Amino acid sequence: MLSRRHLRIKVVQALYAFFQSKNDRLDLGEKQLILSVNKLYELYIYQLSFLVAVQQFAVKRIEDAKKKHLPTNEDINPNSKFINNRIFKQLASNKDFLKKEEIFKISWIDEKEMIRKFFLEFKDNYEYINYLNSDEDSYEDDKKIIIKLVKKYLSSFTYLESYFEDKNIYWVDDFHTANFLVLKTIKSFTEDQDEFKLLPGIYKSSNNNNEHKDFIISLFRKTIIKSEEYTKMIEEKVKNWEFERIAIMDVILLKMALAELLEFPSIPVKVTMNEYIELAKYFSTSKSSVFINGVLDKIILSFNNENMIKKTGRGLMT
């Protein structure tokens, strides 16, 4: 389910931790990389679970309102469109989700106040009000409001982000990636799916189920093993710079790009070029992306002149 860019981000983070720690245990670094990916998947399940907890809070709120000493007509005859949302029902009854929720021992029983804050924040916005008042009652309408809830409100709910950061050190940088995966999952729901539909795994499914896992391990490993060799290649192209003054993150991105260019024949040169320019924007500044663009241009030209880049299959695409 993670895109190649997300996988590269996990490798960048793992390499940065590895080089900063001065660690020489490649096996331990690899274990930490895979653990961080697995923890991202756990965070994704937590976010799905939070959505169900919000729906359950809304149900309880309606039930409590009916028990008031002097309930209003609205309390007695509430609008139940949100709590009966088909997406919520599919998610809450999904066997695979419930199994994973149990495995991770997820509980929101002590976080009622945070859930209340989120629901009240969401229910006062015009999207929620328009959804409740709309005459349309369709699966697609139900899906649209949940997508808005995730994309616009869950992604910016700082209380939840802080909660996750405090709960697990691996979740400090993964809140928005997990949010993206939740959004992707909701968009993939179909009206005819039953409770036995499996949730997507953390890695994209393919003919070779280990392809993407192998990719991150190999990229991580090759970048470290050939680090000194890549350092010399970079130094040759930045003669007007003192190598030690180049930001460590820029060096890591350049070394990863070199590994892809030379060691991954199925990845097109243009894809590698574009990906690491974008990653530079994500992890550093616009100046870093310009710097990396310039260095990679020189390196690729040199490699092509020396016939060093060998691409096959998909890697031949331009």
C-alpha atoms as a PDB file:
ATOM      1  CA  MET A   1       0.000   0.000   0.000  1.00  0.00           C
ATOM      2  CA  LEU A   2       2.915   2.333   0.608  1.00  0.00           C
ATOM      3  CA  SER A   3       4.131   4.028  -2.540  1.00  0.00           C
ATOM      4  CA  ARG A   4       7.781   3.874  -3.573  1.00  0.00           C
ATOM      5  CA  ARG A   5       8.158   7.447  -2.336  1.00  0.00           C
ATOM      6  CA  HIS A   6       6.875   6.510   1.112  1.00  0.00           C
ATOM      7  CA  LEU A   7       9.271   3.564   1.138  1.00  0.00           C
ATOM      8  CA  ARG A   8      12.163   5.839   0.210  1.00  0.00           C
ATOM      9  CA  ILE A   9      11.195   8.174   3.054  1.00  0.00           C
ATOM     10  CA  LYS A  10      11.421   5.295   5.529  1.00  0.00           C
ATOM     11  CA  VAL A  11      14.868   4.415   4.151  1.00  0.00           C
ATOM     12  CA  VAL A  12      16.002   8.053   4.415  1.00  0.00           C
ATOM     13  CA  GLN A  13      14.924   8.145   8.063  1.00  0.00           C
ATOM     14  CA  ALA A  14      16.639   4.825   8.811  1.00  0.00           C
ATOM     15  CA  LEU A  15      19.878   5.879   7.086  1.00  0.00           C
ATOM     16  CA  TYR A  16      19.942   9.193   8.917  1.00  0.00           C
ATOM     17  CA  ALA A  17      19.549   7.375  12.256  1.00  0.00           C
ATOM     18  CA  PHE A  18      22.207   4.840  11.252  1.00  0.00           C
ATOM     19  CA  PHE A  19      24.839   7.372  10.198  1.00  0.00           C
ATOM     20  CA  GLN A  20      24.170   9.701  13.115  1.00  0.00           C
ATOM     21  CA  SER A  21      24.523   6.866  15.616  1.00  0.00           C
ATOM     22  CA  LYS A  22      27.940   5.897  14.191  1.00  0.00           C
ATOM     23  CA  ASN A  23      26.619   2.348  14.265  1.00  0.00           C
ATOM     24  CA  ASP A  24      28.409  -0.340  12.263  1.00  0.00           C
ATOM     25  CA  ARG A  25      25.809  -3.078  12.771  1.00  0.00           C
ATOM     26  CA  LEU A  26      24.062  -3.274   9.416  1.00  0.00           C
ATOM     27  CA  ASP A  27      21.760  -6.050  10.639  1.00  0.00           C
ATOM     28  CA  LEU A  28      20.496  -3.930  13.522  1.00  0.00           C
ATOM     29  CA  GLY A  29      19.913  -1.002  11.176  1.00  0.00           C
ATOM     30  CA  GLU A  30      17.851  -3.231   8.874  1.00  0.00           C
ATOM     31  CA  LYS A  31      15.774  -4.497  11.795  1.00  0.00           C
ATOM     32  CA  GLN A  32      15.070  -0.922  12.867  1.00  0.00           C
ATOM     33  CA  LEU A  33      14.026  -0.045   9.318  1.00  0.00           C
ATOM     34  CA  ILE A  34      11.529  -2.920   9.092  1.00  0.00           C
ATOM     35  CA  LEU A  35      10.277  -2.200  12.599  1.00  0.00           C
ATOM     36  CA  SER A  36       9.611   1.429  11.669  1.00  0.00           C
ATOM     37  CA  VAL A  37       7.567   0.309   8.647  1.00  0.00           C
ATOM     38  CA  ASN A  38       5.601  -2.156  10.789  1.00  0.00           C
ATOM     39  CA  LYS A  39       4.969   0.565  13.355  1.00  0.00           C
ATOM     40  CA  LEU A  40       3.625   2.796  10.597  1.00  0.00           C
ATOM     41  CA  TYR A  41       1.095   0.082   9.774  1.00  0.00           C
ATOM     42  CA  GLU A  42       0.117  -0.104  13.436  1.00  0.00           C
ATOM     43  CA  LEU A  43      -0.447   3.663  13.438  1.00  0.00           C
ATOM     44  CA  TYR A  44      -2.645   3.262  10.364  1.00  0.00           C
ATOM     45  CA  ILE A  45      -4.822   0.737  12.239  1.00  0.00           C
ATOM     46  CA  TYR A  46      -4.970   3.124  15.204  1.00  0.00           C
ATOM     47  CA  GLN A  47      -6.278   5.901  12.976  1.00  0.00           C
ATOM     48  CA  LEU A  48      -8.943   3.621  11.503  1.00  0.00           C
ATOM     49  CA  SER A  49      -9.883   2.664  15.035  1.00  0.00           C
ATOM     50  CA  PHE A  50     -10.163   6.318  16.012  1.00  0.00           C
ATOM     51  CA  LEU A  51     -12.750   6.832  13.269  1.00  0.00           C
ATOM     52  CA  VAL A  52     -14.842   3.984  14.669  1.00  0.00           C
ATOM     53  CA  ALA A  53     -14.476   5.474  18.153  1.00  0.00           C
ATOM     54  CA  VAL A  54     -15.826   8.799  16.852  1.00  0.00           C
ATOM     55  CA  GLN A  55     -18.862   7.055  15.374  1.00  0.00           C
ATOM     56  CA  GLN A  56     -19.439   5.180  18.651  1.00  0.00           C
ATOM     57  CA  PHE A  57     -19.218   8.467  20.554  1.00  0.00           C
ATOM     58  CA  ALA A  58     -21.890   9.938  18.258  1.00  0.00           C
ATOM     59  CA  VAL A  59     -24.144   6.934  18.943  1.00  0.00           C
ATOM     60  CA  LYS A  60     -23.680   7.293  22.712  1.00  0.00           C
ATOM     61  CA  ARG A  61     -24.385  11.017  22.495  1.00  0.00           C
ATOM     62  CA  ILE A  62     -27.704  10.372  20.788  1.00  0.00           C
ATOM     63  CA  GLU A  63     -28.648   7.670  23.295  1.00  0.00           C
ATOM     64  CA  ASP A  64     -27.815   9.952  26.236  1.00  0.00           C
ATOM     65  CA  ALA A  65     -29.865  12.807  24.755  1.00  0.00           C
ATOM     66  CA  LYS A  66     -32.965  10.575  24.648  1.00  0.00           C
ATOM     67  CA  LYS A  67     -32.564   9.907  28.386  1.00  0.00           C
ATOM     68  CA  LYS A  68     -32.731  13.586  29.358  1.00  0.00           C
ATOM     69  CA  HIS A  69     -35.307  14.552  31.959  1.00  0.00           C
ATOM     70  CA  LEU A  70     -36.921  16.909  29.448  1.00  0.00           C
ATOM     71  CA  PRO A  71     -35.749  15.782  25.997  1.00  0.00           C
ATOM     72  CA  THR A  72     -36.473  18.010  23.016  1.00  0.00           C
ATOM     73  CA  ASN A  73     -38.133  16.776  19.854  1.00  0.00           C
ATOM     74  CA  GLU A  74     -34.680  16.713  18.252  1.00  0.00           C
ATOM     75  CA  ASP A  75     -33.425  14.557  21.140  1.00  0.00           C
ATOM     76  CA  ILE A  76     -36.269  12.100  20.686  1.00  0.00           C
ATOM     77  CA  ASN A  77     -36.073  12.059  16.881  1.00  0.00           C
ATOM     78  CA  PRO A  78     -32.414  12.646  16.096  1.00  0.00           C
ATOM     79  CA  ASN A  79     -30.863  12.723  12.664  1.00  0.00           C
ATOM     80  CA  SER A  80     -29.098   9.343  12.563  1.00  0.00           C
ATOM     81  CA  LYS A  81     -27.527   9.702   9.127  1.00  0.00           C
ATOM     82  CA  PHE A  82     -23.983  10.048  10.467  1.00  0.00           C
ATOM     83  CA  ILE A  83     -24.118   7.152  12.941  1.00  0.00           C
ATOM     84  CA  ASN A  84     -25.656   4.931  10.233  1.00  0.00           C
ATOM     85  CA  ASN A  85     -23.007   5.865   7.693  1.00  0.00           C
ATOM     86  CA  ARG A  86     -22.317   2.794   5.562  1.00  0.00           C
ATOM     87  CA  ILE A  87     -18.544   3.290   5.597  1.00  0.00           C
ATOM     88  CA  PHE A  88     -18.513   3.293   9.400  1.00  0.00           C
ATOM     89  CA  LYS A  89     -20.571   0.117   9.446  1.00  0.00           C
ATOM     90  CA  GLN A  90     -18.288  -1.637   6.978  1.00  0.00           C
ATOM     91  CA  LEU A  91     -15.195  -0.667   8.903  1.00  0.00           C
ATOM     92  CA  ALA A  92     -16.594  -1.480  12.346  1.00  0.00           C
ATOM     93  CA  SER A  93     -17.662  -4.959  11.211  1.00  0.00           C
ATOM     94  CA  ASN A  94     -14.580  -5.787   9.153  1.00  0.00           C
ATOM     95  CA  LYS A  95     -13.079  -9.021  10.524  1.00  0.00           C
ATOM     96  CA  ASP A  96      -9.525  -8.190   9.480  1.00  0.00           C
ATOM     97  CA  PHE A  97      -9.699  -4.746  11.086  1.00  0.00           C
ATOM     98  CA  LEU A  98     -11.161  -6.143  14.314  1.00  0.00           C
ATOM     99  CA  LYS A  99      -8.456  -8.804  14.444  1.00  0.00           C
ATOM    100  CA  LYS A 100      -5.679  -6.225  14.016  1.00  0.00           C
ATOM    101  CA  GLU A 101      -7.312  -3.889  16.520  1.00  0.00           C
ATOM    102  CA  GLU A 102      -7.218  -6.752  19.030  1.00  0.00           C
ATOM    103  CA  ILE A 103      -3.606  -7.692  18.176  1.00  0.00           C
ATOM    104  CA  PHE A 104      -2.474  -4.116  18.836  1.00  0.00           C
ATOM    105  CA  LYS A 105      -4.651  -3.927  21.973  1.00  0.00           C
ATOM    106  CA  ILE A 106      -6.208  -0.647  20.859  1.00  0.00           C
ATOM    107  CA  SER A 107      -8.550   1.028  23.327  1.00  0.00           C
ATOM    108  CA  TRP A 108      -9.934   4.559  23.476  1.00  0.00           C
ATOM    109  CA  ILE A 109     -11.657   4.180  26.825  1.00  0.00           C
ATOM    110  CA  ASP A 110      -9.354   6.715  28.490  1.00  0.00           C
ATOM    111  CA  GLU A 111      -9.492   9.184  25.612  1.00  0.00           C
ATOM    112  CA  LYS A 112     -13.164  10.167  25.676  1.00  0.00           C
ATOM    113  CA  GLU A 113     -12.376  13.861  26.032  1.00  0.00           C
ATOM    114  CA  MET A 114     -10.156  13.877  22.951  1.00  0.00           C
ATOM    115  CA  ILE A 115     -12.822  12.038  20.930  1.00  0.00           C
ATOM    116  CA  ARG A 116     -15.459  14.483  22.175  1.00  0.00           C
ATOM    117  CA  LYS A 117     -13.329  17.449  21.093  1.00  0.00           C
ATOM    118  CA  PHE A 118     -12.847  15.976  17.648  1.00  0.00           C
ATOM    119  CA  PHE A 119     -16.528  15.217  17.138  1.00  0.00           C
ATOM    120  CA  LEU A 120     -17.679  18.643  18.328  1.00  0.00           C
ATOM    121  CA  GLU A 121     -15.123  20.318  16.072  1.00  0.00           C
ATOM    122  CA  PHE A 122     -16.340  18.307  13.102  1.00  0.00           C
ATOM    123  CA  LYS A 123     -20.080  18.549  13.740  1.00  0.00           C
ATOM    124  CA  ASP A 124     -20.052  22.342  13.734  1.00  0.00           C
ATOM    125  CA  ASN A 125     -18.678  22.638  10.202  1.00  0.00           C
ATOM    126  CA  TYR A 126     -20.799  23.174   7.125  1.00  0.00           C
ATOM    127  CA  GLU A 127     -19.822  19.860   5.467  1.00  0.00           C
ATOM    128  CA  TYR A 128     -21.283  17.853   8.324  1.00  0.00           C
ATOM    129  CA  ILE A 129     -24.419  20.004   8.521  1.00  0.00           C
ATOM    130  CA  ASN A 130     -24.980  19.821   4.751  1.00  0.00           C
ATOM    131  CA  TYR A 131     -24.494  16.060   4.866  1.00  0.00           C
ATOM    132  CA  LEU A 132     -27.133  15.633   7.580  1.00  0.00           C
ATOM    133  CA  ASN A 133     -29.608  17.918   5.838  1.00  0.00           C
ATOM    134  CA  SER A 134     -29.111  16.553   2.350  1.00  0.00           C
ATOM    135  CA  ASP A 135     -31.928  14.523   0.805  1.00  0.00           C
ATOM    136  CA  GLU A 136     -29.350  12.301  -0.833  1.00  0.00           C
ATOM    137  CA  ASP A 137     -28.899   8.990   0.918  1.00  0.00           C
ATOM    138  CA  SER A 138     -26.336   7.006  -1.000  1.00  0.00           C
ATOM    139  CA  TYR A 139     -23.176   5.020  -0.445  1.00  0.00           C
ATOM    140  CA  GLU A 140     -21.141   7.595  -2.363  1.00  0.00           C
ATOM    141  CA  ASP A 141     -22.512  10.409  -0.225  1.00  0.00           C
ATOM    142  CA  ASP A 142     -21.522   8.461   2.889  1.00  0.00           C
ATOM    143  CA  LYS A 143     -18.051   7.912   1.489  1.00  0.00           C
ATOM    144  CA  LYS A 144     -17.589  11.598   0.603  1.00  0.00           C
ATOM    145  CA  ILE A 145     -18.259  12.804   4.145  1.00  0.00           C
ATOM    146  CA  ILE A 146     -15.817  10.297   5.651  1.00  0.00           C
ATOM    147  CA  ILE A 147     -13.166  11.308   3.119  1.00  0.00           C
ATOM    148  CA  LYS A 148     -13.692  14.949   4.120  1.00  0.00           C
ATOM    149  CA  LEU A 149     -13.540  13.985   7.788  1.00  0.00           C
ATOM    150  CA  VAL A 150     -10.186  12.235   7.285  1.00  0.00           C
ATOM    151  CA  LYS A 151      -8.635  14.612   4.775  1.00  0.00           C
ATOM    152  CA  LYS A 152      -9.631  17.926   6.304  1.00  0.00           C
ATOM    153  CA  TYR A 153     -10.189  17.309  10.010  1.00  0.00           C
ATOM    154  CA  LEU A 154      -8.376  14.168  11.134  1.00  0.00           C
ATOM    155  CA  SER A 155      -5.185  15.242   9.350  1.00  0.00           C
ATOM    156  CA  SER A 156      -5.138  18.567  11.223  1.00  0.00           C
ATOM    157  CA  PHE A 157      -6.313  17.348  14.632  1.00  0.00           C
ATOM    158  CA  THR A 158      -3.258  18.234  16.696  1.00  0.00           C
ATOM    159  CA  TYR A 159      -4.536  16.574  19.872  1.00  0.00           C
ATOM    160  CA  LEU A 160      -4.468  13.196  18.167  1.00  0.00           C
ATOM    161  CA  GLU A 161      -1.104  13.828  16.555  1.00  0.00           C
ATOM    162  CA  SER A 162       0.384  14.742  19.946  1.00  0.00           C
ATOM    163  CA  TYR A 163      -1.252  11.692  21.515  1.00  0.00           C
ATOM    164  CA  PHE A 164       0.453   9.404  19.005  1.00  0.00           C
ATOM    165  CA  GLU A 165       3.815  11.162  19.343  1.00  0.00           C
ATOM    166  CA  ASP A 166       3.706  10.635  23.105  1.00  0.00           C
ATOM    167  CA  LYS A 167       2.566   7.038  22.768  1.00  0.00           C
ATOM    168  CA  ASN A 168       5.334   5.728  20.522  1.00  0.00           C
ATOM    169  CA  ILE A 169       8.659   7.200  19.429  1.00  0.00           C
ATOM    170  CA  TYR A 170       8.252   5.609  15.984  1.00  0.00           C
ATOM    171  CA  TRP A 171       5.112   7.655  15.354  1.00  0.00           C
ATOM    172  CA  VAL A 172       6.701  11.085  15.644  1.00  0.00           C
ATOM    173  CA  ASP A 173       7.070  11.550  11.883  1.00  0.00           C
ATOM    174  CA  ASP A 174       4.409   9.174  10.545  1.00  0.00           C
ATOM    175  CA  PHE A 175       1.071  10.771  11.451  1.00  0.00           C
ATOM    176  CA  HIS A 176       0.384  12.227   8.011  1.00  0.00           C
ATOM    177  CA  THR A 177       1.615   9.152   6.144  1.00  0.00           C
ATOM    178  CA  ALA A 178      -0.758   6.978   8.177  1.00  0.00           C
ATOM    179  CA  ASN A 179      -3.500   9.508   7.472  1.00  0.00           C
ATOM    180  CA  PHE A 180      -2.801   9.160   3.753  1.00  0.00           C
ATOM    181  CA  LEU A 181      -3.111   5.366   4.047  1.00  0.00           C
ATOM    182  CA  VAL A 182      -6.434   5.695   5.873  1.00  0.00           C
ATOM    183  CA  LEU A 183      -7.711   7.985   3.134  1.00  0.00           C
ATOM    184  CA  LYS A 184      -6.544   5.547   0.472  1.00  0.00           C
ATOM    185  CA  THR A 185      -8.328   2.684   2.245  1.00  0.00           C
ATOM    186  CA  ILE A 186     -11.627   4.562   2.562  1.00  0.00           C
ATOM    187  CA  LYS A 187     -11.510   5.498  -1.109  1.00  0.00           C
ATOM    188  CA  SER A 188     -11.049   1.833  -2.012  1.00  0.00           C
ATOM    189  CA  PHE A 189     -14.214   0.714  -0.175  1.00  0.00           C
ATOM    190  CA  THR A 190     -17.059  -0.559  -2.354  1.00  0.00           C
ATOM    191  CA  GLU A 191     -20.712  -0.980  -1.492  1.00  0.00           C
ATOM    192  CA  ASP A 192     -20.727  -4.713  -2.197  1.00  0.00           C
ATOM    193  CA  GLN A 193     -17.759  -5.633  -0.017  1.00  0.00           C
ATOM    194  CA  ASP A 194     -18.485  -7.772   3.031  1.00  0.00           C
ATOM    195  CA  GLU A 195     -16.934  -8.097   6.460  1.00  0.00           C
ATOM    196  CA  PHE A 196     -14.383 -10.616   5.208  1.00  0.00           C
ATOM    197  CA  LYS A 197     -12.578  -8.220   2.872  1.00  0.00           C
ATOM    198  CA  LEU A 198      -8.942  -7.961   3.915  1.00  0.00           C
ATOM    199  CA  LEU A 199      -7.419  -4.579   4.639  1.00  0.00           C
ATOM    200  CA  PRO A 200      -4.482  -3.734   2.374  1.00  0.00           C
ATOM    201  CA  GLY A 201      -1.048  -4.656   3.669  1.00  0.00           C
ATOM    202  CA  ILE A 202       1.687  -2.111   4.262  1.00  0.00           C
ATOM    203  CA  TYR A 203       3.471  -3.135   1.063  1.00  0.00           C
ATOM    204  CA  LYS A 204       1.832  -2.954  -2.352  1.00  0.00           C
ATOM    205  CA  SER A 205       0.673  -6.351  -3.550  1.00  0.00           C
ATOM    206  CA  SER A 206       2.406  -7.630  -6.669  1.00  0.00           C
ATOM    207  CA  ASN A 207       3.416 -10.869  -8.338  1.00  0.00           C
ATOM    208  CA  ASN A 208       6.363 -10.870  -5.959  1.00  0.00           C
ATOM    209  CA  ASN A 209       4.871 -10.119  -2.555  1.00  0.00           C
ATOM    210  CA  ASN A 210       8.314  -9.381  -1.114  1.00  0.00           C
ATOM    211  CA  GLU A 211       9.315  -6.977  -3.898  1.00  0.00           C
ATOM    212  CA  HIS A 212       8.778  -3.763  -1.961  1.00  0.00           C
ATOM    213  CA  LYS A 213      10.201  -5.079   1.289  1.00  0.00           C
ATOM    214  CA  ASP A 214      13.249  -6.318  -0.613  1.00  0.00           C
ATOM    215  CA  PHE A 215      13.526  -2.895  -2.234  1.00  0.00           C
ATOM    216  CA  ILE A 216      13.880  -0.967   1.031  1.00  0.00           C
ATOM    217  CA  ILE A 217      16.286  -3.484   2.566  1.00  0.00           C
ATOM    218  CA  SER A 218      18.443  -3.524  -0.555  1.00  0.00           C
ATOM    219  CA  LEU A 219      18.422   0.278  -0.896  1.00  0.00           C
ATOM    220  CA  PHE A 220      19.341   0.671   2.765  1.00  0.00           C
ATOM    221  CA  ARG A 221      22.084  -1.955   2.582  1.00  0.00           C
ATOM    222  CA  LYS A 222      23.677  -0.849  -0.700  1.00  0.00           C
ATOM    223  CA  THR A 223      23.730   2.806   0.352  1.00  0.00           C
ATOM    224  CA  ILE A 224      25.705   1.891   3.483  1.00  0.00           C
ATOM    225  CA  ILE A 225      28.017  -0.722   1.973  1.00  0.00           C
ATOM    226  CA  LYS A 226      29.041   1.575  -0.884  1.00  0.00           C
ATOM    227  CA  SER A 227      28.962   4.770   1.187  1.00  0.00           C
ATOM    228  CA  GLU A 228      32.683   5.532   0.861  1.00  0.00           C
ATOM    229  CA  GLU A 229      32.640   4.833  -2.881  1.00  0.00           C
ATOM    230  CA  TYR A 230      29.663   7.151  -3.309  1.00  0.00           C
ATOM    231  CA  THR A 231      31.359   9.815  -1.193  1.00  0.00           C
ATOM    232  CA  LYS A 232      34.243   9.936  -3.686  1.00  0.00           C
ATOM    233  CA  MET A 233      31.818  10.179  -6.620  1.00  0.00           C
ATOM    234  CA  ILE A 234      30.014  13.095  -5.002  1.00  0.00           C
ATOM    235  CA  GLU A 235      33.256  14.867  -4.069  1.00  0.00           C
ATOM    236  CA  GLU A 236      34.369  14.775  -7.713  1.00  0.00           C
ATOM    237  CA  LYS A 237      31.219  16.678  -8.731  1.00  0.00           C
ATOM    238  CA  VAL A 238      31.255  19.279  -5.944  1.00  0.00           C
ATOM    239  CA  LYS A 239      34.838  20.473  -6.152  1.00  0.00           C
ATOM    240  CA  ASN A 240      33.793  24.035  -5.349  1.00  0.00           C
ATOM    241  CA  TRP A 241      32.295  22.816  -2.070  1.00  0.00           C
ATOM    242  CA  GLU A 242      33.874  21.469   1.090  1.00  0.00           C
ATOM    243  CA  PHE A 243      32.265  18.052   1.392  1.00  0.00           C
ATOM    244  CA  GLU A 244      32.000  18.355   5.180  1.00  0.00           C
ATOM    245  CA  ARG A 245      29.874  21.473   4.759  1.00  0.00           C
ATOM    246  CA  ILE A 246      27.211  19.701   2.697  1.00  0.00           C
ATOM    247  CA  ALA A 247      24.149  18.937   4.819  1.00  0.00           C
ATOM    248  CA  ILE A 248      24.145  15.320   6.014  1.00  0.00           C
ATOM    249  CA  MET A 249      20.612  14.853   4.658  1.00  0.00           C
ATOM    250  CA  ASP A 250      21.696  16.031   1.189  1.00  0.00           C
ATOM    251  CA  VAL A 251      24.603  13.586   1.272  1.00  0.00           C
ATOM    252  CA  ILE A 252      22.290  10.717   2.240  1.00  0.00           C
ATOM    253  CA  LEU A 253      19.847  11.571  -0.547  1.00  0.00           C
ATOM    254  CA  LEU A 254      22.651  11.732  -3.100  1.00  0.00           C
ATOM    255  CA  LYS A 255      24.058   8.386  -1.972  1.00  0.00           C
ATOM    256  CA  MET A 256      20.606   6.773  -2.178  1.00  0.00           C
ATOM    257  CA  ALA A 257      20.187   8.185  -5.679  1.00  0.00           C
ATOM    258  CA  LEU A 258      23.573   6.765  -6.676  1.00  0.00           C
ATOM    259  CA  ALA A 259      22.571   3.362  -5.332  1.00  0.00           C
ATOM    260  CA  GLU A 260      19.379   3.437  -7.418  1.00  0.00           C
ATOM    261  CA  LEU A 261      21.171   4.571 -10.553  1.00  0.00           C
ATOM    262  CA  LEU A 262      23.835   1.877 -10.342  1.00  0.00           C
ATOM    263  CA  GLU A 263      22.225  -1.021  -8.476  1.00  0.00           C
ATOM    264  CA  PHE A 264      18.532  -1.037  -9.439  1.00  0.00           C
ATOM    265  CA  PRO A 265      18.236  -1.789 -13.165  1.00  0.00           C
ATOM    266  CA  SER A 266      14.416  -1.771 -13.152  1.00  0.00           C
ATOM    267  CA  ILE A 267      14.110   1.857 -11.935  1.00  0.00           C
ATOM    268  CA  PRO A 268      14.286   4.453 -14.739  1.00  0.00           C
ATOM    269  CA  VAL A 269      16.912   7.173 -14.419  1.00  0.00           C
ATOM    270  CA  LYS A 270      14.290   9.904 -14.734  1.00  0.00           C
ATOM    271  CA  VAL A 271      12.249   8.410 -11.881  1.00  0.00           C
ATOM    272  CA  THR A 272      15.285   8.361  -9.587  1.00  0.00           C
ATOM    273  CA  MET A 273      16.166  11.928 -10.535  1.00  0.00           C
ATOM    274  CA  ASN A 274      12.658  13.250  -9.884  1.00  0.00           C
ATOM    275  CA  GLU A 275      12.167  11.299  -6.655  1.00  0.00           C
ATOM    276  CA  TYR A 276      15.287  12.578  -4.939  1.00  0.00           C
ATOM    277  CA  ILE A 277      14.679  16.158  -5.996  1.00  0.00           C
ATOM    278  CA  GLU A 278      11.220  15.884  -4.397  1.00  0.00           C
ATOM    279  CA  LEU A 279      12.605  14.195  -1.282  1.00  0.00           C
ATOM    280  CA  ALA A 280      15.059  17.065  -0.903  1.00  0.00           C
ATOM    281  CA  LYS A 281      12.104  19.466  -0.787  1.00  0.00           C
ATOM    282  CA  TYR A 282      10.428  17.246   1.809  1.00  0.00           C
ATOM    283  CA  PHE A 283      13.438  16.823   4.094  1.00  0.00           C
ATOM    284  CA  SER A 284      15.351  20.005   3.455  1.00  0.00           C
ATOM    285  CA  THR A 285      14.885  23.274   1.522  1.00  0.00           C
ATOM    286  CA  SER A 286      14.286  24.411  -2.035  1.00  0.00           C
ATOM    287  CA  LYS A 287      18.005  25.225  -2.212  1.00  0.00           C
ATOM    288  CA  SER A 288      18.802  21.604  -1.390  1.00  0.00           C
ATOM    289  CA  SER A 289      16.588  20.381  -4.215  1.00  0.00           C
ATOM    290  CA  VAL A 290      18.392  22.707  -6.658  1.00  0.00           C
ATOM    291  CA  PHE A 291      21.753  21.512  -5.320  1.00  0.00           C
ATOM    292  CA  ILE A 292      20.824  17.837  -5.639  1.00  0.00           C
ATOM    293  CA  ASN A 293      19.378  18.438  -9.093  1.00  0.00           C
ATOM    294  CA  GLY A 294      22.670  19.983 -10.238  1.00  0.00           C
ATOM    295  CA  VAL A 295      24.871  17.275  -8.724  1.00  0.00           C
ATOM    296  CA  LEU A 296      22.748  14.442 -10.118  1.00  0.00           C
ATOM    297  CA  ASP A 297      22.774  16.071 -13.565  1.00  0.00           C
ATOM    298  CA  LYS A 298      26.583  16.006 -13.542  1.00  0.00           C
ATOM    299  CA  ILE A 299      26.751  12.462 -12.177  1.00  0.00           C
ATOM    300  CA  ILE A 300      24.232  11.038 -14.681  1.00  0.00           C
ATOM    301  CA  LEU A 301      26.032  12.732 -17.591  1.00  0.00           C
ATOM    302  CA  SER A 302      29.324  11.257 -16.399  1.00  0.00           C
ATOM    303  CA  PHE A 303      27.818   7.807 -15.889  1.00  0.00           C
ATOM    304  CA  ASN A 304      26.261   7.855 -19.354  1.00  0.00           C
ATOM    305  CA  ASN A 305      29.581   8.844 -20.948  1.00  0.00           C
ATOM    306  CA  GLU A 306      31.276   5.941 -19.164  1.00  0.00           C
ATOM    307  CA  ASN A 307      28.372   3.556 -19.866  1.00  0.00           C
ATOM    308  CA  MET A 308      28.028   2.841 -16.142  1.00  0.00           C
ATOM    309  CA  ILE A 309      24.213   2.858 -15.945  1.00  0.00           C
ATOM    310  CA  LYS A 310      22.689  -0.476 -16.927  1.00  0.00           C
ATOM    311  CA  LYS A 311      18.901  -0.503 -17.090  1.00  0.00           C
ATOM    312  CA  THR A 312      16.542  -3.290 -18.087  1.00  0.00           C
ATOM    313  CA  GLY A 313      12.786  -3.799 -18.412  1.00  0.00           C
ATOM    314  CA  ARG A 314      10.882  -0.945 -16.766  1.00  0.00           C
ATOM    315  CA  GLY A 315      14.199   0.761 -16.137  1.00  0.00           C
ATOM    316  CA  LEU A 316      14.512   1.534 -19.855  1.00  0.00           C
ATOM    317  CA  MET A 317      11.473   3.816 -19.731  1.00  0.00           C
ATOM    318  CA  THR A 318      12.223   7.511 -20.298  1.00  0.00           C
END
